[in-house]
Protein backbone atom coordinates (compact mmCIF):
# COMPACT_ATOMS: atom_id res chain seq x y z
CA UNK A 1 -39.64 -9.67 49.12
CA UNK A 2 -42.69 -10.97 50.81
CA UNK A 3 -46.12 -9.55 49.78
CA UNK A 4 -46.88 -8.76 53.43
CA UNK A 5 -43.97 -6.33 53.50
CA UNK A 6 -45.18 -4.52 50.37
CA UNK A 7 -48.79 -4.06 51.55
CA UNK A 8 -48.33 -1.33 54.16
CA UNK A 9 -46.08 0.94 52.06
CA UNK A 10 -48.47 0.53 49.12
CA UNK A 11 -51.45 1.57 51.24
CA UNK A 12 -49.52 4.54 52.66
CA UNK A 13 -48.54 5.67 49.17
CA UNK A 14 -52.16 5.45 48.02
CA UNK A 15 -53.33 7.70 50.86
CA UNK A 16 -50.58 10.23 50.15
CA UNK A 17 -51.51 10.40 46.48
CA UNK A 18 -55.21 10.88 47.29
CA UNK A 19 -54.45 13.54 49.90
CA UNK A 20 -52.51 15.51 47.31
CA UNK A 21 -55.58 15.80 45.07
CA UNK A 22 -57.51 18.20 47.31
CA UNK A 23 -57.00 21.97 47.19
CA UNK A 24 -57.78 23.64 50.53
CA UNK A 25 -59.30 27.07 49.95
CA UNK A 26 -60.17 30.05 52.15
CA UNK A 27 -63.54 31.65 51.40
CA UNK A 28 -63.86 35.12 52.95
CA UNK A 29 -67.26 36.80 53.23
CA UNK A 30 -67.97 40.52 53.09
CA UNK A 31 -68.51 40.56 56.88
CA UNK A 32 -65.05 39.07 57.54
CA UNK A 33 -66.17 35.50 58.24
CA UNK A 34 -63.73 32.96 56.82
CA UNK A 35 -64.33 29.34 55.89
CA UNK A 36 -61.50 26.87 55.30
CA UNK A 37 -62.72 24.34 52.76
CA UNK A 38 -61.49 20.87 51.93
CA UNK A 39 -61.56 21.58 48.22
CA UNK A 40 -62.19 24.43 45.80
CA UNK A 41 -65.82 25.56 46.10
CA UNK A 42 -68.27 25.08 43.27
CA UNK A 43 -68.48 28.22 41.21
CA UNK A 44 -71.67 30.19 41.46
CA UNK A 45 -74.69 27.99 40.97
CA UNK A 46 -77.50 29.11 38.65
CA UNK A 47 -79.43 30.37 41.67
CA UNK A 48 -76.51 32.64 42.74
CA UNK A 49 -74.86 30.67 45.57
CA UNK A 50 -71.42 29.24 46.28
CA UNK A 51 -71.51 25.69 47.66
CA UNK A 52 -68.68 24.00 49.56
CA UNK A 53 -67.83 21.68 52.43
CA UNK A 54 -65.81 23.18 55.29
CA UNK A 55 -63.03 21.29 57.06
CA UNK A 56 -65.48 20.08 59.72
CA UNK A 57 -67.52 18.36 57.00
CA UNK A 58 -70.43 20.82 57.15
CA UNK A 59 -72.11 21.64 53.82
CA UNK A 60 -72.26 25.46 53.35
CA UNK A 61 -74.24 27.57 50.85
CA UNK A 62 -73.46 31.29 50.67
CA UNK A 63 -74.94 34.00 48.46
CA UNK A 64 -72.42 34.97 45.78
CA UNK A 65 -72.93 38.65 46.66
CA UNK A 66 -71.74 37.92 50.23
CA UNK A 67 -68.41 36.39 49.08
CA UNK A 68 -65.46 38.80 49.09
CA UNK A 69 -62.61 36.43 48.08
CA UNK A 70 -61.88 32.79 47.27
CA UNK A 71 -58.16 32.07 47.68
CA UNK A 72 -56.35 28.73 47.41
CA UNK A 73 -54.40 27.86 50.57
CA UNK A 74 -50.64 27.59 50.03
């Protein structure tokens, strides 16, 4: 086989493996607001906040007392 023919499948496989590493999570607040995150949020920080990046790429900080549930997407 020619190396040119192996390049594209190898790149595609790499992207698939990396995509499988993230764990989308739904963070629900006490007021009903839901955030879909790219990955599991950081547990409570020492100052009492959850920190995560939503699927739009926006960095979000929420008071731990305002969080109702953190559930991994299936």
